[in-house]
Amino acid sequence: IIVCLAFGIPKPQILWLKDSIPVDLTDPRLTLLESGSLQIREIKKSDEGQYECVAINELGSAHSHPGKLYVKG
């Protein structure tokens, strides 16, 4: 689970980026949790990369600091 904590009024929508490209949430291994965190199941080498969350509401957007995910093995 990669954590994203975002607060705002109105409540922001959360978007995840991997290597600056929106994460494909149609992949059944990926779940955007109610908290805004990203859950990755059955992790693969191809999941490795730089992740960041973006919180968006009608007042604007805010990007998290990017974090690098390394997959060992």
N, C-alpha and C. Protein backbone atom coordinates (compact mmCIF):
# COMPACT_ATOMS: atom_id res chain seq x y z
N ILE A 1 0.85 -1.19 0.00
CA ILE A 1 0.00 0.00 0.00
C ILE A 1 0.89 1.24 0.00
N ILE A 2 0.61 2.14 -0.93
CA ILE A 2 1.31 3.43 -0.98
C ILE A 2 0.31 4.46 -0.46
N VAL A 3 0.71 5.15 0.60
CA VAL A 3 -0.21 6.04 1.32
C VAL A 3 -0.27 7.43 0.68
N CYS A 4 -1.50 7.95 0.60
CA CYS A 4 -1.74 9.33 0.19
C CYS A 4 -2.77 9.92 1.14
N LEU A 5 -2.40 10.97 1.83
CA LEU A 5 -3.32 11.65 2.73
C LEU A 5 -3.60 13.04 2.18
N ALA A 6 -4.85 13.28 1.85
CA ALA A 6 -5.22 14.59 1.31
C ALA A 6 -6.54 15.02 1.94
N PHE A 7 -6.59 16.28 2.35
CA PHE A 7 -7.78 16.82 2.98
C PHE A 7 -8.16 18.11 2.28
N GLY A 8 -9.43 18.38 2.20
CA GLY A 8 -9.87 19.63 1.60
C GLY A 8 -11.39 19.72 1.61
N ILE A 9 -11.87 20.92 1.42
CA ILE A 9 -13.30 21.16 1.29
C ILE A 9 -13.48 21.96 0.00
N PRO A 10 -14.16 21.41 -0.98
CA PRO A 10 -14.76 20.08 -0.99
C PRO A 10 -13.70 18.97 -1.01
N LYS A 11 -14.13 17.77 -0.59
CA LYS A 11 -13.22 16.62 -0.52
C LYS A 11 -12.57 16.40 -1.89
N PRO A 12 -11.24 16.29 -1.91
CA PRO A 12 -10.56 16.12 -3.20
C PRO A 12 -10.70 14.71 -3.78
N GLN A 13 -10.65 14.66 -5.09
CA GLN A 13 -10.55 13.40 -5.82
C GLN A 13 -9.06 13.06 -5.88
N ILE A 14 -8.71 11.78 -5.77
CA ILE A 14 -7.31 11.37 -5.79
C ILE A 14 -7.00 10.69 -7.11
N LEU A 15 -5.89 11.10 -7.70
CA LEU A 15 -5.37 10.52 -8.93
C LEU A 15 -3.95 10.07 -8.64
N TRP A 16 -3.58 8.88 -9.08
CA TRP A 16 -2.22 8.39 -8.90
C TRP A 16 -1.47 8.42 -10.23
N LEU A 17 -0.21 8.83 -10.17
CA LEU A 17 0.68 8.84 -11.33
C LEU A 17 1.83 7.87 -11.09
N LYS A 18 2.20 7.15 -12.13
CA LYS A 18 3.41 6.33 -12.10
C LYS A 18 4.27 6.81 -13.25
N ASP A 19 5.46 7.29 -12.92
CA ASP A 19 6.37 7.84 -13.93
C ASP A 19 5.65 8.91 -14.76
N SER A 20 4.88 9.76 -14.07
CA SER A 20 4.15 10.90 -14.65
C SER A 20 2.98 10.52 -15.55
N ILE A 21 2.58 9.24 -15.54
CA ILE A 21 1.45 8.77 -16.34
C ILE A 21 0.37 8.27 -15.39
N PRO A 22 -0.91 8.61 -15.63
CA PRO A 22 -1.97 8.13 -14.73
C PRO A 22 -1.96 6.60 -14.60
N VAL A 23 -2.11 6.13 -13.37
CA VAL A 23 -2.14 4.69 -13.09
C VAL A 23 -3.44 4.12 -13.65
N ASP A 24 -3.34 2.94 -14.26
CA ASP A 24 -4.50 2.27 -14.86
C ASP A 24 -5.25 1.50 -13.79
N LEU A 25 -6.29 2.10 -13.24
CA LEU A 25 -7.06 1.46 -12.16
C LEU A 25 -8.02 0.39 -12.68
N THR A 26 -8.03 0.13 -13.99
CA THR A 26 -8.79 -1.00 -14.50
C THR A 26 -8.03 -2.30 -14.29
N ASP A 27 -6.73 -2.21 -13.96
CA ASP A 27 -5.93 -3.39 -13.63
C ASP A 27 -6.47 -3.96 -12.32
N PRO A 28 -6.93 -5.21 -12.30
CA PRO A 28 -7.54 -5.76 -11.08
C PRO A 28 -6.58 -5.89 -9.90
N ARG A 29 -5.28 -5.78 -10.15
CA ARG A 29 -4.31 -5.83 -9.05
C ARG A 29 -4.21 -4.51 -8.29
N LEU A 30 -4.74 -3.44 -8.88
CA LEU A 30 -4.63 -2.10 -8.30
C LEU A 30 -5.97 -1.65 -7.75
N THR A 31 -5.94 -1.10 -6.54
CA THR A 31 -7.16 -0.60 -5.91
C THR A 31 -6.89 0.76 -5.29
N LEU A 32 -7.73 1.72 -5.62
CA LEU A 32 -7.70 3.02 -4.96
C LEU A 32 -8.57 2.89 -3.72
N LEU A 33 -7.96 2.93 -2.55
CA LEU A 33 -8.69 2.76 -1.30
C LEU A 33 -9.47 4.03 -0.95
N GLU A 34 -10.47 3.89 -0.10
CA GLU A 34 -11.30 5.02 0.33
C GLU A 34 -10.44 6.15 0.90
N SER A 35 -9.33 5.78 1.54
CA SER A 35 -8.43 6.77 2.15
C SER A 35 -7.63 7.56 1.12
N GLY A 36 -7.62 7.07 -0.14
CA GLY A 36 -6.82 7.70 -1.18
C GLY A 36 -5.53 6.95 -1.45
N SER A 37 -5.20 5.99 -0.60
CA SER A 37 -3.99 5.20 -0.77
C SER A 37 -4.16 4.22 -1.93
N LEU A 38 -3.03 3.80 -2.50
CA LEU A 38 -3.03 2.87 -3.63
C LEU A 38 -2.55 1.51 -3.15
N GLN A 39 -3.38 0.48 -3.37
CA GLN A 39 -3.01 -0.88 -3.00
C GLN A 39 -2.62 -1.63 -4.27
N ILE A 40 -1.44 -2.27 -4.21
CA ILE A 40 -0.96 -3.08 -5.34
C ILE A 40 -0.83 -4.51 -4.83
N ARG A 41 -1.56 -5.44 -5.46
CA ARG A 41 -1.47 -6.85 -5.09
C ARG A 41 -0.63 -7.59 -6.12
N GLU A 42 -0.06 -8.71 -5.70
CA GLU A 42 0.74 -9.55 -6.61
C GLU A 42 1.74 -8.69 -7.37
N ILE A 43 2.56 -7.98 -6.63
CA ILE A 43 3.47 -7.00 -7.21
C ILE A 43 4.42 -7.64 -8.22
N LYS A 44 4.69 -6.91 -9.28
CA LYS A 44 5.56 -7.38 -10.36
C LYS A 44 6.69 -6.37 -10.56
N LYS A 45 7.72 -6.81 -11.25
CA LYS A 45 8.84 -5.92 -11.58
C LYS A 45 8.34 -4.70 -12.36
N SER A 46 7.32 -4.89 -13.19
CA SER A 46 6.79 -3.78 -14.00
C SER A 46 6.09 -2.71 -13.16
N ASP A 47 5.81 -3.02 -11.88
CA ASP A 47 5.20 -2.03 -10.98
C ASP A 47 6.24 -1.04 -10.46
N GLU A 48 7.51 -1.36 -10.67
CA GLU A 48 8.58 -0.49 -10.19
C GLU A 48 8.50 0.87 -10.90
N GLY A 49 8.73 1.93 -10.15
CA GLY A 49 8.71 3.26 -10.75
C GLY A 49 8.49 4.34 -9.71
N GLN A 50 8.31 5.55 -10.19
CA GLN A 50 8.10 6.70 -9.32
C GLN A 50 6.60 6.99 -9.24
N TYR A 51 6.06 6.97 -8.03
CA TYR A 51 4.63 7.18 -7.80
C TYR A 51 4.40 8.50 -7.09
N GLU A 52 3.32 9.15 -7.45
CA GLU A 52 2.88 10.33 -6.71
C GLU A 52 1.36 10.42 -6.79
N CYS A 53 0.78 10.99 -5.75
CA CYS A 53 -0.67 11.18 -5.78
C CYS A 53 -0.96 12.66 -6.03
N VAL A 54 -2.09 12.88 -6.66
CA VAL A 54 -2.55 14.23 -6.95
C VAL A 54 -3.96 14.36 -6.36
N ALA A 55 -4.15 15.37 -5.54
CA ALA A 55 -5.46 15.67 -4.96
C ALA A 55 -6.06 16.82 -5.76
N ILE A 56 -7.28 16.61 -6.24
CA ILE A 56 -7.92 17.59 -7.12
C ILE A 56 -9.33 17.90 -6.61
N ASN A 57 -9.61 19.20 -6.47
CA ASN A 57 -11.01 19.61 -6.26
C ASN A 57 -11.23 20.89 -7.06
N GLU A 58 -12.41 21.47 -6.95
CA GLU A 58 -12.74 22.62 -7.79
C GLU A 58 -11.90 23.85 -7.48
N LEU A 59 -11.17 23.84 -6.37
CA LEU A 59 -10.31 24.97 -6.02
C LEU A 59 -8.89 24.82 -6.53
N GLY A 60 -8.54 23.63 -7.04
CA GLY A 60 -7.20 23.43 -7.57
C GLY A 60 -6.70 22.02 -7.35
N SER A 61 -5.38 21.87 -7.41
CA SER A 61 -4.78 20.55 -7.24
C SER A 61 -3.48 20.67 -6.45
N ALA A 62 -3.09 19.55 -5.85
CA ALA A 62 -1.83 19.49 -5.11
C ALA A 62 -1.19 18.14 -5.37
N HIS A 63 0.11 18.16 -5.65
CA HIS A 63 0.88 16.93 -5.90
C HIS A 63 1.66 16.56 -4.65
N SER A 64 1.73 15.26 -4.38
CA SER A 64 2.59 14.78 -3.30
C SER A 64 4.04 14.82 -3.77
N HIS A 65 4.95 14.63 -2.83
CA HIS A 65 6.34 14.40 -3.22
C HIS A 65 6.39 13.01 -3.83
N PRO A 66 7.09 12.83 -4.94
CA PRO A 66 7.15 11.50 -5.54
C PRO A 66 7.94 10.53 -4.67
N GLY A 67 7.54 9.28 -4.74
CA GLY A 67 8.25 8.22 -4.03
C GLY A 67 8.58 7.11 -5.00
N LYS A 68 9.75 6.53 -4.87
CA LYS A 68 10.21 5.48 -5.78
C LYS A 68 9.88 4.12 -5.19
N LEU A 69 9.25 3.27 -5.98
CA LEU A 69 8.97 1.89 -5.58
C LEU A 69 9.96 0.98 -6.30
N TYR A 70 10.70 0.23 -5.51
CA TYR A 70 11.64 -0.75 -6.05
C TYR A 70 11.08 -2.14 -5.79
N VAL A 71 11.18 -3.02 -6.78
CA VAL A 71 10.73 -4.40 -6.64
C VAL A 71 11.97 -5.28 -6.68
N LYS A 72 12.20 -5.99 -5.59
CA LYS A 72 13.39 -6.83 -5.46
C LYS A 72 13.08 -8.24 -5.91
N GLY A 73 14.01 -8.82 -6.64
CA GLY A 73 13.86 -10.23 -7.03
C GLY A 73 13.45 -10.45 -8.45
